[in-house]
Structure formats: C-alpha cells, structure tokens
C-alpha cells in the first residue's frame, strides 16, 4: 500500500477542519453589542432628529432600552452555550 491509497481509507470527515459542517455558535458579548446597537440606534436617531429639536428623554430611553435588551440577549445566548438553534441543521 502506498501513500495515495491512505487518503481514501477514512470515509468519515474529521471532527474539526474544512470538511466538517460549521457549528453555529454565537459569542454572548458580540450578541449583546449587536442587539444594543440594533435597538438603541434607531431610537436615538429619532430622538435626535425630531423636527421640534432633539429630545433628551427619548435619547436616554433609547440607550436604556437598548442596554436592557442587549444584556438580556447576551445572558440568554450565554445560558444556551452559544447555541441559538438546537434543532436539526439544514
């Protein structure tokens, strides 16, 4: 048996590497930052660009709501170990 025959000997993919399907794991901190930005930015922009002038209560509310929702999302992802979808993979 030569070296070329060995490469066809293992039909199963390795546990890690380019042949394995990627696992979808999310970083809790990155998730929290992304959710914070997705929630807070639109509210802050509305509060800042109102025709009647900028509204500090709307801006502060946007930041607080974004912070709370971001922390909740990050804690939820951390609690699930980074696996958001535990169902069958497509």
N, C-alpha and C. Protein backbone atom coordinates (compact mmCIF):
# COMPACT_ATOMS: atom_id res chain seq x y z
N UNK A 1 0.84 -1.17 0.00
CA UNK A 1 0.00 0.00 0.00
C UNK A 1 0.90 1.24 0.00
N UNK A 2 0.59 2.17 -0.87
CA UNK A 2 1.41 3.38 -0.94
C UNK A 2 0.68 4.57 -0.33
N UNK A 3 1.29 5.72 -0.42
CA UNK A 3 0.75 6.91 0.23
C UNK A 3 -0.57 7.36 -0.40
N UNK A 4 -0.78 7.14 -1.69
CA UNK A 4 -2.02 7.54 -2.34
C UNK A 4 -3.22 6.73 -1.88
N UNK A 5 -3.01 5.49 -1.48
CA UNK A 5 -4.11 4.66 -1.02
C UNK A 5 -4.62 5.09 0.36
N UNK A 6 -3.77 5.68 1.17
CA UNK A 6 -4.16 6.08 2.52
C UNK A 6 -5.17 7.22 2.52
N UNK A 7 -5.13 8.07 1.56
CA UNK A 7 -6.04 9.22 1.57
C UNK A 7 -7.49 8.82 1.34
N UNK A 8 -7.75 7.66 0.79
CA UNK A 8 -9.11 7.19 0.56
C UNK A 8 -9.57 6.23 1.66
N UNK A 9 -8.76 5.98 2.65
CA UNK A 9 -9.08 4.98 3.67
C UNK A 9 -10.12 5.42 4.68
N UNK A 10 -10.25 6.70 4.96
CA UNK A 10 -11.16 7.18 6.01
C UNK A 10 -12.38 7.85 5.37
N UNK A 11 -13.55 7.20 5.39
CA UNK A 11 -14.73 7.81 4.76
C UNK A 11 -15.39 8.88 5.62
N UNK A 12 -15.10 8.94 6.90
CA UNK A 12 -15.74 9.92 7.79
C UNK A 12 -14.92 11.20 7.83
N UNK A 13 -15.61 12.36 7.87
CA UNK A 13 -14.86 13.62 7.95
C UNK A 13 -14.22 13.76 9.32
N UNK A 14 -13.16 14.52 9.42
CA UNK A 14 -12.52 14.74 10.72
C UNK A 14 -13.45 15.53 11.64
N UNK A 15 -13.23 15.44 12.96
CA UNK A 15 -14.10 16.17 13.89
C UNK A 15 -14.00 17.68 13.75
N UNK A 16 -12.86 18.19 13.26
CA UNK A 16 -12.70 19.62 13.03
C UNK A 16 -11.96 19.81 11.73
N UNK A 17 -12.20 20.92 11.09
CA UNK A 17 -11.48 21.22 9.86
C UNK A 17 -12.41 21.65 8.76
N UNK A 18 -11.89 21.83 7.56
CA UNK A 18 -12.70 22.37 6.47
C UNK A 18 -13.76 21.39 5.96
N UNK A 19 -13.64 20.09 6.27
CA UNK A 19 -14.61 19.12 5.77
C UNK A 19 -15.84 18.99 6.64
N UNK A 20 -15.78 19.50 7.85
CA UNK A 20 -16.92 19.37 8.76
C UNK A 20 -17.88 20.53 8.58
N UNK A 21 -19.18 20.29 8.79
CA UNK A 21 -20.12 21.41 8.71
C UNK A 21 -19.86 22.39 9.85
N UNK A 22 -19.97 23.68 9.60
CA UNK A 22 -19.68 24.65 10.65
C UNK A 22 -20.75 24.63 11.74
N UNK A 23 -20.31 24.73 12.96
CA UNK A 23 -21.23 24.83 14.08
C UNK A 23 -21.61 26.29 14.29
N UNK A 24 -22.87 26.55 14.48
CA UNK A 24 -23.31 27.93 14.69
C UNK A 24 -23.28 28.24 16.18
N UNK A 25 -22.23 28.86 16.61
CA UNK A 25 -22.09 29.29 18.00
C UNK A 25 -21.90 30.79 18.00
N UNK A 26 -22.65 31.45 18.85
CA UNK A 26 -22.61 32.90 18.92
C UNK A 26 -21.93 33.34 20.20
N UNK A 27 -21.12 34.37 20.09
CA UNK A 27 -20.45 34.95 21.24
C UNK A 27 -21.45 35.83 22.00
N UNK A 28 -21.64 35.59 23.29
CA UNK A 28 -22.64 36.38 24.04
C UNK A 28 -22.35 37.88 24.05
N UNK A 29 -21.08 38.27 24.16
CA UNK A 29 -20.76 39.70 24.18
C UNK A 29 -21.06 40.35 22.84
N UNK A 30 -20.69 39.68 21.76
CA UNK A 30 -20.97 40.22 20.43
C UNK A 30 -22.47 40.31 20.17
N UNK A 31 -23.20 39.32 20.65
CA UNK A 31 -24.66 39.34 20.50
C UNK A 31 -25.26 40.52 21.28
N UNK A 32 -24.79 40.71 22.50
CA UNK A 32 -25.31 41.82 23.32
C UNK A 32 -25.01 43.17 22.68
N UNK A 33 -23.81 43.33 22.14
CA UNK A 33 -23.45 44.60 21.49
C UNK A 33 -24.29 44.81 20.24
N UNK A 34 -24.48 43.76 19.46
CA UNK A 34 -25.28 43.87 18.24
C UNK A 34 -26.73 44.20 18.51
N UNK A 35 -27.31 43.55 19.52
CA UNK A 35 -28.70 43.83 19.86
C UNK A 35 -28.84 45.23 20.43
N UNK A 36 -27.90 45.64 21.27
CA UNK A 36 -27.92 47.01 21.80
C UNK A 36 -27.92 48.02 20.66
N UNK A 37 -27.01 47.83 19.71
CA UNK A 37 -26.91 48.78 18.60
C UNK A 37 -28.18 48.75 17.74
N UNK A 38 -28.72 47.56 17.49
CA UNK A 38 -29.91 47.44 16.65
C UNK A 38 -31.13 48.09 17.29
N UNK A 39 -31.19 48.09 18.61
CA UNK A 39 -32.35 48.68 19.29
C UNK A 39 -32.11 50.16 19.59
N UNK A 40 -30.94 50.50 20.08
CA UNK A 40 -30.70 51.86 20.56
C UNK A 40 -30.53 52.87 19.42
N UNK A 41 -29.82 52.50 18.37
CA UNK A 41 -29.51 53.47 17.32
C UNK A 41 -30.77 54.08 16.68
N UNK A 42 -31.76 53.29 16.26
CA UNK A 42 -32.94 53.93 15.66
C UNK A 42 -33.69 54.86 16.62
N UNK A 43 -33.78 54.47 17.88
CA UNK A 43 -34.49 55.30 18.85
C UNK A 43 -33.72 56.60 19.09
N UNK A 44 -32.40 56.51 19.21
CA UNK A 44 -31.58 57.70 19.43
C UNK A 44 -31.66 58.63 18.21
N UNK A 45 -31.64 58.06 17.02
CA UNK A 45 -31.73 58.89 15.81
C UNK A 45 -33.07 59.62 15.76
N UNK A 46 -34.14 58.94 16.11
CA UNK A 46 -35.46 59.60 16.13
C UNK A 46 -35.47 60.70 17.18
N UNK A 47 -34.91 60.43 18.35
CA UNK A 47 -34.87 61.45 19.39
C UNK A 47 -34.00 62.64 19.05
N UNK A 48 -32.97 62.39 18.26
CA UNK A 48 -32.03 63.46 17.91
C UNK A 48 -32.49 64.30 16.73
N UNK A 49 -33.22 63.68 15.80
CA UNK A 49 -33.58 64.38 14.55
C UNK A 49 -35.04 64.80 14.49
N UNK A 50 -35.69 64.92 15.60
CA UNK A 50 -37.09 65.39 15.60
C UNK A 50 -37.18 66.79 15.05
N UNK A 51 -38.27 67.10 14.34
CA UNK A 51 -38.44 68.47 13.82
C UNK A 51 -38.51 69.52 14.93
N UNK A 52 -39.01 69.12 16.10
CA UNK A 52 -39.13 70.08 17.20
C UNK A 52 -37.82 70.24 17.97
N UNK A 53 -36.78 69.57 17.55
CA UNK A 53 -35.49 69.64 18.26
C UNK A 53 -35.19 68.31 18.94
N UNK A 54 -33.98 68.15 19.35
CA UNK A 54 -33.61 66.89 19.98
C UNK A 54 -34.28 66.74 21.34
N UNK A 55 -34.61 65.50 21.66
CA UNK A 55 -35.31 65.21 22.91
C UNK A 55 -34.43 64.30 23.77
N UNK A 56 -33.93 64.85 24.85
CA UNK A 56 -33.07 64.08 25.74
C UNK A 56 -33.78 62.87 26.35
N UNK A 57 -35.06 62.98 26.77
CA UNK A 57 -35.71 61.79 27.32
C UNK A 57 -35.81 60.64 26.31
N UNK A 58 -36.05 60.94 25.03
CA UNK A 58 -36.13 59.88 24.02
C UNK A 58 -34.76 59.25 23.81
N UNK A 59 -33.72 60.06 23.79
CA UNK A 59 -32.36 59.55 23.60
C UNK A 59 -31.96 58.66 24.78
N UNK A 60 -32.22 59.12 26.00
CA UNK A 60 -31.88 58.33 27.19
C UNK A 60 -32.70 57.05 27.24
N UNK A 61 -33.99 57.14 26.87
CA UNK A 61 -34.83 55.94 26.85
C UNK A 61 -34.31 54.93 25.82
N UNK A 62 -33.87 55.41 24.67
CA UNK A 62 -33.34 54.52 23.65
C UNK A 62 -32.10 53.79 24.12
N UNK A 63 -31.20 54.52 24.79
CA UNK A 63 -29.98 53.90 25.30
C UNK A 63 -30.32 52.90 26.40
N UNK A 64 -31.22 53.26 27.30
CA UNK A 64 -31.58 52.34 28.39
C UNK A 64 -32.30 51.09 27.88
N UNK A 65 -33.23 51.26 26.97
CA UNK A 65 -33.95 50.11 26.40
C UNK A 65 -32.96 49.21 25.65
N UNK A 66 -32.08 49.82 24.86
CA UNK A 66 -31.08 49.03 24.14
C UNK A 66 -30.15 48.29 25.08
N UNK A 67 -29.75 48.93 26.16
CA UNK A 67 -28.88 48.30 27.14
C UNK A 67 -29.56 47.11 27.81
N UNK A 68 -30.80 47.29 28.22
CA UNK A 68 -31.53 46.20 28.88
C UNK A 68 -31.74 45.03 27.93
N UNK A 69 -32.20 45.31 26.72
CA UNK A 69 -32.46 44.24 25.75
C UNK A 69 -31.15 43.56 25.35
N UNK A 70 -30.07 44.33 25.19
CA UNK A 70 -28.78 43.75 24.85
C UNK A 70 -28.25 42.84 25.93
N UNK A 71 -28.37 43.26 27.17
CA UNK A 71 -27.92 42.40 28.28
C UNK A 71 -28.74 41.13 28.34
N UNK A 72 -30.06 41.25 28.19
CA UNK A 72 -30.91 40.06 28.20
C UNK A 72 -30.54 39.09 27.07
N UNK A 73 -30.29 39.61 25.88
CA UNK A 73 -29.91 38.76 24.76
C UNK A 73 -28.57 38.08 25.02
N UNK A 74 -27.60 38.83 25.54
CA UNK A 74 -26.30 38.25 25.84
C UNK A 74 -26.37 37.17 26.91
N UNK A 75 -27.15 37.41 27.95
CA UNK A 75 -27.31 36.40 29.01
C UNK A 75 -28.02 35.16 28.47
N UNK A 76 -29.01 35.36 27.60
CA UNK A 76 -29.73 34.23 27.02
C UNK A 76 -28.81 33.37 26.15
N UNK A 77 -27.98 34.03 25.33
CA UNK A 77 -27.04 33.28 24.48
C UNK A 77 -26.01 32.57 25.35
N UNK A 78 -25.52 33.22 26.40
CA UNK A 78 -24.54 32.59 27.29
C UNK A 78 -25.15 31.40 28.00
N UNK A 79 -26.41 31.52 28.40
CA UNK A 79 -27.10 30.42 29.09
C UNK A 79 -27.23 29.20 28.18
N UNK A 80 -27.41 29.43 26.89
CA UNK A 80 -27.54 28.33 25.93
C UNK A 80 -26.19 27.86 25.40
N UNK A 81 -25.10 28.40 25.91
CA UNK A 81 -23.78 27.98 25.49
C UNK A 81 -23.41 28.41 24.08
N UNK A 82 -24.04 29.46 23.58
CA UNK A 82 -23.75 29.94 22.26
C UNK A 82 -24.60 29.31 21.16
N UNK A 83 -25.33 28.26 21.51
CA UNK A 83 -26.21 27.60 20.53
C UNK A 83 -27.58 28.27 20.57
N UNK A 84 -27.89 29.02 19.54
CA UNK A 84 -29.19 29.69 19.48
C UNK A 84 -30.25 28.73 18.99
N UNK A 85 -29.89 27.91 18.00
CA UNK A 85 -30.84 26.97 17.40
C UNK A 85 -30.38 25.56 17.74
N UNK A 86 -31.17 24.83 18.55
CA UNK A 86 -30.80 23.48 18.95
C UNK A 86 -31.50 22.41 18.13
N UNK A 87 -32.24 22.84 17.11
CA UNK A 87 -32.97 21.90 16.27
C UNK A 87 -32.07 21.28 15.21
N UNK A 88 -32.68 20.60 14.25
CA UNK A 88 -31.89 19.96 13.20
C UNK A 88 -31.22 21.00 12.29
N UNK A 89 -30.02 20.68 11.86
CA UNK A 89 -29.29 21.57 10.95
C UNK A 89 -29.73 21.31 9.53
N UNK A 90 -29.82 22.36 8.74
CA UNK A 90 -30.21 22.20 7.34
C UNK A 90 -29.05 21.73 6.51
